[in-house]
């Protein structure tokens, strides 16, 4: 406070409008960053990584690091045929007992000897609805 009086600057210095301009820019940048991140989520970072690897001759490790993507996620390929037996068995039971809900159908599958997890069967049941 002494320093301000020596230099004759009021302690309640009013910043110029440029500071407000910087805060507006930072808000705009944050909004733009959110939009870009949303686009990256929608389009799939894996596709972008492979494009960058081919276009710019980067390694997969460098490209994944640039997009904050784990290499495990990049190399992961889901096994789509794994759910086929569950789908087939669930459809058969549902056709035989059309009024039954998930709980009863799951009990019937268990009685038939299937040891599938109830969360997995429920996920597939919801997809088949």
N, C-alpha and C. Protein backbone atom coordinates (compact mmCIF):
# COMPACT_ATOMS: atom_id res chain seq x y z
N UNK A 1 0.83 -1.19 0.00
CA UNK A 1 0.00 0.00 0.00
C UNK A 1 0.88 1.25 0.00
N UNK A 2 2.03 1.19 0.66
CA UNK A 2 2.94 2.32 0.64
C UNK A 2 3.50 2.56 -0.75
N UNK A 3 3.79 1.49 -1.43
CA UNK A 3 4.35 1.61 -2.78
C UNK A 3 3.38 2.32 -3.70
N UNK A 4 2.12 2.01 -3.59
CA UNK A 4 1.12 2.63 -4.46
C UNK A 4 1.04 4.13 -4.22
N UNK A 5 1.16 4.56 -2.97
CA UNK A 5 1.08 5.99 -2.69
C UNK A 5 2.33 6.72 -3.14
N UNK A 6 3.48 6.04 -3.11
CA UNK A 6 4.71 6.67 -3.56
C UNK A 6 4.68 6.91 -5.07
N UNK A 7 4.11 6.01 -5.80
CA UNK A 7 4.09 6.12 -7.25
C UNK A 7 2.85 6.88 -7.71
N UNK A 8 1.98 7.15 -6.78
CA UNK A 8 0.71 7.84 -7.02
C UNK A 8 -0.23 7.02 -7.90
N UNK A 9 -0.32 5.74 -7.60
CA UNK A 9 -1.30 4.87 -8.25
C UNK A 9 -2.32 4.49 -7.20
N UNK A 10 -3.53 4.56 -7.55
CA UNK A 10 -4.59 4.19 -6.62
C UNK A 10 -4.50 2.70 -6.33
N UNK A 11 -4.69 2.27 -5.05
CA UNK A 11 -4.64 0.84 -4.77
C UNK A 11 -5.75 0.06 -5.47
N UNK A 12 -6.80 0.74 -5.82
CA UNK A 12 -7.90 0.08 -6.55
C UNK A 12 -7.75 0.41 -8.03
N UNK A 13 -6.70 -0.09 -8.60
CA UNK A 13 -6.41 0.20 -10.01
C UNK A 13 -7.43 -0.47 -10.89
N UNK A 14 -7.94 0.28 -11.83
CA UNK A 14 -8.92 -0.28 -12.76
C UNK A 14 -8.20 -0.75 -14.02
N UNK A 15 -8.32 -2.05 -14.28
CA UNK A 15 -7.65 -2.62 -15.43
C UNK A 15 -8.32 -2.15 -16.70
N UNK A 16 -7.53 -2.03 -17.77
CA UNK A 16 -8.13 -1.62 -19.04
C UNK A 16 -9.06 -2.71 -19.59
N UNK A 17 -9.82 -2.34 -20.58
CA UNK A 17 -10.80 -3.27 -21.17
C UNK A 17 -10.14 -4.47 -21.84
N UNK A 18 -8.85 -4.39 -22.11
CA UNK A 18 -8.18 -5.50 -22.78
C UNK A 18 -8.19 -6.76 -21.91
N UNK A 19 -8.21 -6.59 -20.58
CA UNK A 19 -8.26 -7.74 -19.69
C UNK A 19 -9.58 -8.48 -19.88
N UNK A 20 -10.67 -7.72 -19.98
CA UNK A 20 -11.97 -8.35 -20.24
C UNK A 20 -11.95 -9.05 -21.60
N UNK A 21 -11.24 -8.46 -22.55
CA UNK A 21 -11.11 -9.07 -23.87
C UNK A 21 -10.39 -10.42 -23.76
N UNK A 22 -9.35 -10.50 -22.91
CA UNK A 22 -8.63 -11.75 -22.72
C UNK A 22 -9.51 -12.81 -22.07
N UNK A 23 -10.33 -12.41 -21.12
CA UNK A 23 -11.22 -13.39 -20.49
C UNK A 23 -12.25 -13.88 -21.49
N UNK A 24 -12.73 -12.98 -22.36
CA UNK A 24 -13.67 -13.40 -23.40
C UNK A 24 -13.00 -14.40 -24.35
N UNK A 25 -11.73 -14.11 -24.69
CA UNK A 25 -11.02 -15.03 -25.57
C UNK A 25 -10.80 -16.39 -24.91
N UNK A 26 -10.50 -16.38 -23.62
CA UNK A 26 -10.28 -17.65 -22.94
C UNK A 26 -11.57 -18.46 -22.88
N UNK A 27 -12.70 -17.79 -22.67
CA UNK A 27 -13.98 -18.50 -22.68
C UNK A 27 -14.29 -19.06 -24.06
N UNK A 28 -13.97 -18.25 -25.08
CA UNK A 28 -14.20 -18.70 -26.45
C UNK A 28 -13.30 -19.89 -26.79
N UNK A 29 -12.04 -19.82 -26.35
CA UNK A 29 -11.11 -20.93 -26.59
C UNK A 29 -11.58 -22.20 -25.90
N UNK A 30 -12.07 -22.06 -24.67
CA UNK A 30 -12.56 -23.23 -23.94
C UNK A 30 -13.75 -23.85 -24.67
N UNK A 31 -14.66 -23.01 -25.15
CA UNK A 31 -15.82 -23.52 -25.88
C UNK A 31 -15.38 -24.23 -27.16
N UNK A 32 -14.42 -23.63 -27.86
CA UNK A 32 -13.91 -24.25 -29.08
C UNK A 32 -13.23 -25.58 -28.78
N UNK A 33 -12.47 -25.62 -27.70
CA UNK A 33 -11.79 -26.85 -27.30
C UNK A 33 -12.82 -27.94 -26.97
N UNK A 34 -13.90 -27.56 -26.28
CA UNK A 34 -14.94 -28.54 -25.96
C UNK A 34 -15.58 -29.09 -27.23
N UNK A 35 -15.80 -28.23 -28.21
CA UNK A 35 -16.40 -28.68 -29.47
C UNK A 35 -15.46 -29.65 -30.18
N UNK A 36 -14.16 -29.32 -30.21
CA UNK A 36 -13.19 -30.19 -30.88
C UNK A 36 -13.11 -31.53 -30.17
N UNK A 37 -13.09 -31.51 -28.82
CA UNK A 37 -13.03 -32.77 -28.09
C UNK A 37 -14.28 -33.61 -28.35
N UNK A 38 -15.43 -32.96 -28.45
CA UNK A 38 -16.67 -33.69 -28.74
C UNK A 38 -16.59 -34.32 -30.13
N UNK A 39 -16.06 -33.57 -31.09
CA UNK A 39 -15.91 -34.11 -32.44
C UNK A 39 -14.95 -35.30 -32.43
N UNK A 40 -13.87 -35.20 -31.65
CA UNK A 40 -12.92 -36.30 -31.57
C UNK A 40 -13.57 -37.54 -30.98
N UNK A 41 -14.42 -37.34 -29.95
CA UNK A 41 -15.10 -38.48 -29.36
C UNK A 41 -16.06 -39.12 -30.35
N UNK A 42 -16.78 -38.26 -31.09
CA UNK A 42 -17.77 -38.77 -32.03
C UNK A 42 -17.12 -39.52 -33.19
N UNK A 43 -16.07 -38.96 -33.76
CA UNK A 43 -15.48 -39.56 -34.94
C UNK A 43 -14.57 -40.72 -34.60
N UNK A 44 -14.09 -40.77 -33.40
CA UNK A 44 -13.20 -41.85 -33.01
C UNK A 44 -11.75 -41.44 -33.13
N UNK A 45 -11.08 -41.39 -32.01
CA UNK A 45 -9.68 -40.99 -32.02
C UNK A 45 -8.81 -42.01 -32.74
N UNK A 46 -9.23 -43.27 -32.74
CA UNK A 46 -8.45 -44.30 -33.39
C UNK A 46 -8.27 -44.05 -34.88
N UNK A 47 -9.34 -43.59 -35.53
CA UNK A 47 -9.25 -43.28 -36.95
C UNK A 47 -8.31 -42.11 -37.19
N UNK A 48 -8.37 -41.12 -36.30
CA UNK A 48 -7.48 -39.97 -36.44
C UNK A 48 -6.02 -40.37 -36.26
N UNK A 49 -5.78 -41.26 -35.29
CA UNK A 49 -4.42 -41.72 -35.06
C UNK A 49 -3.88 -42.42 -36.30
N UNK A 50 -4.68 -43.30 -36.91
CA UNK A 50 -4.19 -44.00 -38.10
C UNK A 50 -3.98 -43.04 -39.26
N UNK A 51 -4.83 -42.00 -39.38
CA UNK A 51 -4.63 -41.01 -40.43
C UNK A 51 -3.33 -40.24 -40.22
N UNK A 52 -3.07 -39.85 -38.96
CA UNK A 52 -1.85 -39.10 -38.66
C UNK A 52 -0.62 -39.97 -38.90
N UNK A 53 -0.70 -41.25 -38.54
CA UNK A 53 0.43 -42.16 -38.75
C UNK A 53 0.75 -42.27 -40.23
N UNK A 54 -0.27 -42.40 -41.07
CA UNK A 54 -0.04 -42.55 -42.50
C UNK A 54 0.38 -41.23 -43.15
N UNK A 55 -0.25 -40.13 -42.76
CA UNK A 55 0.00 -38.85 -43.41
C UNK A 55 1.35 -38.26 -43.03
N UNK A 56 1.66 -38.26 -41.73
CA UNK A 56 2.84 -37.55 -41.26
C UNK A 56 4.00 -38.48 -40.90
N UNK A 57 3.87 -39.74 -41.18
CA UNK A 57 4.92 -40.73 -40.89
C UNK A 57 5.35 -40.73 -39.42
N UNK A 58 4.38 -40.55 -38.54
CA UNK A 58 4.65 -40.63 -37.10
C UNK A 58 4.51 -42.07 -36.65
N UNK A 59 5.13 -42.37 -35.52
CA UNK A 59 4.91 -43.69 -34.94
C UNK A 59 3.55 -43.71 -34.26
N UNK A 60 3.03 -44.89 -34.04
CA UNK A 60 1.74 -45.04 -33.37
C UNK A 60 1.83 -44.47 -31.96
N UNK A 61 2.96 -44.69 -31.31
CA UNK A 61 3.15 -44.19 -29.95
C UNK A 61 3.06 -42.67 -29.91
N UNK A 62 3.71 -41.98 -30.85
CA UNK A 62 3.69 -40.53 -30.89
C UNK A 62 2.30 -39.99 -31.22
N UNK A 63 1.63 -40.64 -32.17
CA UNK A 63 0.29 -40.19 -32.55
C UNK A 63 -0.70 -40.39 -31.42
N UNK A 64 -0.60 -41.51 -30.72
CA UNK A 64 -1.50 -41.76 -29.59
C UNK A 64 -1.24 -40.75 -28.48
N UNK A 65 0.01 -40.43 -28.27
CA UNK A 65 0.35 -39.46 -27.24
C UNK A 65 -0.19 -38.08 -27.61
N UNK A 66 -0.15 -37.72 -28.87
CA UNK A 66 -0.65 -36.42 -29.32
C UNK A 66 -2.15 -36.29 -29.09
N UNK A 67 -2.89 -37.39 -29.22
CA UNK A 67 -4.34 -37.36 -29.04
C UNK A 67 -4.77 -37.82 -27.66
N UNK A 68 -3.81 -38.04 -26.76
CA UNK A 68 -4.10 -38.53 -25.40
C UNK A 68 -4.91 -39.81 -25.45
N UNK A 69 -4.47 -40.73 -26.26
CA UNK A 69 -5.16 -42.00 -26.43
C UNK A 69 -4.21 -43.12 -26.05
N UNK A 70 -4.70 -44.04 -25.26
CA UNK A 70 -3.89 -45.18 -24.87
C UNK A 70 -3.68 -46.09 -26.09
N UNK A 71 -2.48 -46.65 -26.20
CA UNK A 71 -2.22 -47.55 -27.32
C UNK A 71 -3.06 -48.81 -27.21
N UNK A 72 -3.41 -49.19 -26.00
CA UNK A 72 -4.28 -50.35 -25.81
C UNK A 72 -5.64 -50.10 -26.44
N UNK A 73 -6.16 -48.89 -26.26
CA UNK A 73 -7.45 -48.54 -26.86
C UNK A 73 -7.32 -48.50 -28.38
N UNK A 74 -6.20 -48.02 -28.88
CA UNK A 74 -5.99 -47.94 -30.33
C UNK A 74 -5.99 -49.33 -30.97
N UNK A 75 -5.31 -50.27 -30.33
CA UNK A 75 -5.19 -51.62 -30.91
C UNK A 75 -6.37 -52.53 -30.59
N UNK A 76 -7.28 -52.12 -29.71
CA UNK A 76 -8.39 -52.99 -29.30
C UNK A 76 -9.35 -53.23 -30.46
N UNK A 77 -9.70 -54.48 -30.68
CA UNK A 77 -10.71 -54.86 -31.67
C UNK A 77 -11.74 -55.73 -30.95
N UNK A 78 -12.99 -55.29 -30.89
CA UNK A 78 -13.99 -56.07 -30.16
C UNK A 78 -14.31 -57.38 -30.87
N UNK A 79 -14.62 -58.39 -30.08
CA UNK A 79 -14.99 -59.70 -30.61
C UNK A 79 -16.51 -59.73 -30.75
N UNK A 80 -16.99 -59.46 -31.96
CA UNK A 80 -18.43 -59.35 -32.17
C UNK A 80 -19.13 -60.71 -32.18
N UNK A 81 -18.41 -61.77 -32.44
CA UNK A 81 -19.03 -63.09 -32.50
C UNK A 81 -19.21 -63.71 -31.11
N UNK A 82 -18.65 -63.07 -30.09
CA UNK A 82 -18.70 -63.63 -28.74
C UNK A 82 -20.13 -63.68 -28.19
N UNK A 83 -20.97 -62.75 -28.61
CA UNK A 83 -22.33 -62.68 -28.09
C UNK A 83 -23.33 -63.52 -28.87
N UNK A 84 -22.92 -64.13 -29.96
CA UNK A 84 -23.85 -64.90 -30.79
C UNK A 84 -24.57 -66.01 -30.03
N UNK A 85 -23.88 -66.83 -29.22
CA UNK A 85 -24.61 -67.88 -28.51
C UNK A 85 -25.64 -67.32 -27.52
N UNK A 86 -25.31 -66.20 -26.90
CA UNK A 86 -26.25 -65.58 -25.95
C UNK A 86 -27.47 -65.08 -26.70
N UNK A 87 -27.26 -64.44 -27.82
CA UNK A 87 -28.37 -63.92 -28.63
C UNK A 87 -29.27 -65.06 -29.07
N UNK A 88 -28.67 -66.12 -29.57
CA UNK A 88 -29.44 -67.26 -30.06
C UNK A 88 -30.28 -67.88 -28.93
N UNK A 89 -29.65 -68.15 -27.79
CA UNK A 89 -30.36 -68.77 -26.67
C UNK A 89 -31.45 -67.86 -26.13
N UNK A 90 -31.17 -66.57 -26.03
CA UNK A 90 -32.15 -65.62 -25.51
C UNK A 90 -33.34 -65.49 -26.45
N UNK A 91 -33.10 -65.51 -27.75
CA UNK A 91 -34.20 -65.43 -28.71
C UNK A 91 -35.08 -66.68 -28.65
N UNK A 92 -34.47 -67.84 -28.50
CA UNK A 92 -35.25 -69.08 -28.40
C UNK A 92 -36.15 -69.07 -27.17
N UNK A 93 -35.59 -68.68 -26.04
CA UNK A 93 -36.36 -68.67 -24.80
C UNK A 93 -37.45 -67.61 -24.86
N UNK A 94 -37.14 -66.45 -25.44
CA UNK A 94 -38.12 -65.37 -25.53
C UNK A 94 -39.27 -65.73 -26.47
N UNK A 95 -38.98 -66.50 -27.52
CA UNK A 95 -40.05 -66.94 -28.42
C UNK A 95 -40.97 -67.94 -27.73
N UNK A 96 -40.38 -68.77 -26.89
CA UNK A 96 -41.19 -69.78 -26.19
C UNK A 96 -42.02 -69.15 -25.08
N UNK A 97 -41.47 -68.16 -24.40
CA UNK A 97 -42.16 -67.48 -23.29
C UNK A 97 -42.22 -65.98 -23.57
N UNK A 98 -43.12 -65.55 -24.45
CA UNK A 98 -43.13 -64.14 -24.86
C UNK A 98 -43.55 -63.16 -23.75
N UNK A 99 -44.25 -63.64 -22.72
CA UNK A 99 -44.71 -62.74 -21.66
C UNK A 99 -43.68 -62.55 -20.56
N UNK A 100 -42.64 -63.35 -20.56
CA UNK A 100 -41.64 -63.28 -19.50
C UNK A 100 -40.72 -62.08 -19.69
N UNK A 101 -40.32 -61.51 -18.59
CA UNK A 101 -39.37 -60.41 -18.62
C UNK A 101 -37.95 -60.95 -18.49
N UNK A 102 -37.03 -60.03 -18.25
CA UNK A 102 -35.63 -60.42 -18.21
C UNK A 102 -35.33 -61.40 -17.08
N UNK A 103 -35.86 -61.15 -15.89
CA UNK A 103 -35.51 -61.98 -14.74
C UNK A 103 -35.88 -63.44 -14.96
N UNK A 104 -37.09 -63.67 -15.42
CA UNK A 104 -37.53 -65.05 -15.64
C UNK A 104 -36.75 -65.70 -16.79
N UNK A 105 -36.51 -64.93 -17.86
CA UNK A 105 -35.75 -65.49 -18.98
C UNK A 105 -34.33 -65.85 -18.54
N UNK A 106 -33.74 -65.01 -17.69
CA UNK A 106 -32.40 -65.29 -17.20
C UNK A 106 -32.39 -66.55 -16.33
N UNK A 107 -33.44 -66.72 -15.51
CA UNK A 107 -33.54 -67.95 -14.69
C UNK A 107 -33.63 -69.19 -15.58
N UNK A 108 -34.39 -69.09 -16.65
CA UNK A 108 -34.53 -70.23 -17.55
C UNK A 108 -33.18 -70.55 -18.21
N UNK A 109 -32.46 -69.51 -18.62
CA UNK A 109 -31.13 -69.75 -19.22
C UNK A 109 -30.20 -70.41 -18.21
N UNK A 110 -30.29 -70.00 -16.96
CA UNK A 110 -29.45 -70.61 -15.92
C UNK A 110 -29.82 -72.08 -15.72
N UNK A 111 -31.12 -72.37 -15.74
CA UNK A 111 -31.57 -73.76 -15.58
C UNK A 111 -31.12 -74.62 -16.75
N UNK A 112 -30.97 -74.01 -17.93
CA UNK A 112 -30.49 -74.75 -19.10
C UNK A 112 -28.98 -75.00 -19.02
N UNK A 113 -28.32 -74.41 -18.04
CA UNK A 113 -26.90 -74.68 -17.84
C UNK A 113 -25.95 -73.61 -18.34
N UNK A 114 -26.48 -72.49 -18.79
CA UNK A 114 -25.61 -71.41 -19.26
C UNK A 114 -25.11 -70.60 -18.07
N UNK A 115 -23.82 -70.32 -18.02
CA UNK A 115 -23.23 -69.61 -16.90
C UNK A 115 -22.87 -68.17 -17.27
N UNK A 116 -23.66 -67.56 -18.13
CA UNK A 116 -23.36 -66.19 -18.55
C UNK A 116 -23.70 -65.22 -17.44
N UNK A 117 -22.92 -64.15 -17.38
CA UNK A 117 -23.12 -63.10 -16.40
C UNK A 117 -24.45 -62.39 -16.66
N UNK A 118 -25.18 -62.06 -15.58
CA UNK A 118 -26.49 -61.43 -15.76
C UNK A 118 -26.38 -60.05 -16.40
N UNK A 119 -25.27 -59.35 -16.17
CA UNK A 119 -25.10 -58.03 -16.78
C UNK A 119 -24.92 -58.14 -18.29
N UNK A 120 -24.21 -59.16 -18.70
CA UNK A 120 -24.01 -59.39 -20.13
C UNK A 120 -25.32 -59.77 -20.79
N UNK A 121 -26.05 -60.68 -20.17
CA UNK A 121 -27.33 -61.12 -20.73
C UNK A 121 -28.32 -59.95 -20.75
N UNK A 122 -28.30 -59.12 -19.72
CA UNK A 122 -29.21 -57.96 -19.68
C UNK A 122 -28.87 -56.96 -20.78
N UNK A 123 -27.59 -56.72 -21.02
CA UNK A 123 -27.17 -55.82 -22.09
C UNK A 123 -27.69 -56.31 -23.43
N UNK A 124 -27.56 -57.59 -23.68
CA UNK A 124 -28.02 -58.17 -24.95
C UNK A 124 -29.55 -58.17 -25.01
N UNK A 125 -30.19 -58.43 -23.89
CA UNK A 125 -31.65 -58.42 -23.81
C UNK A 125 -32.17 -57.02 -24.19
N UNK A 126 -31.51 -55.99 -23.67
CA UNK A 126 -31.93 -54.61 -23.97
C UNK A 126 -31.71 -54.26 -25.45
N UNK A 127 -30.65 -54.80 -26.04
CA UNK A 127 -30.40 -54.55 -27.45
C UNK A 127 -31.43 -55.26 -28.34
N UNK A 128 -31.91 -56.41 -27.89
CA UNK A 128 -32.86 -57.16 -28.69
C UNK A 128 -34.29 -56.65 -28.58
N UNK A 129 -34.58 -55.87 -27.59
CA UNK A 129 -35.94 -55.36 -27.41
C UNK A 129 -36.43 -54.59 -28.60
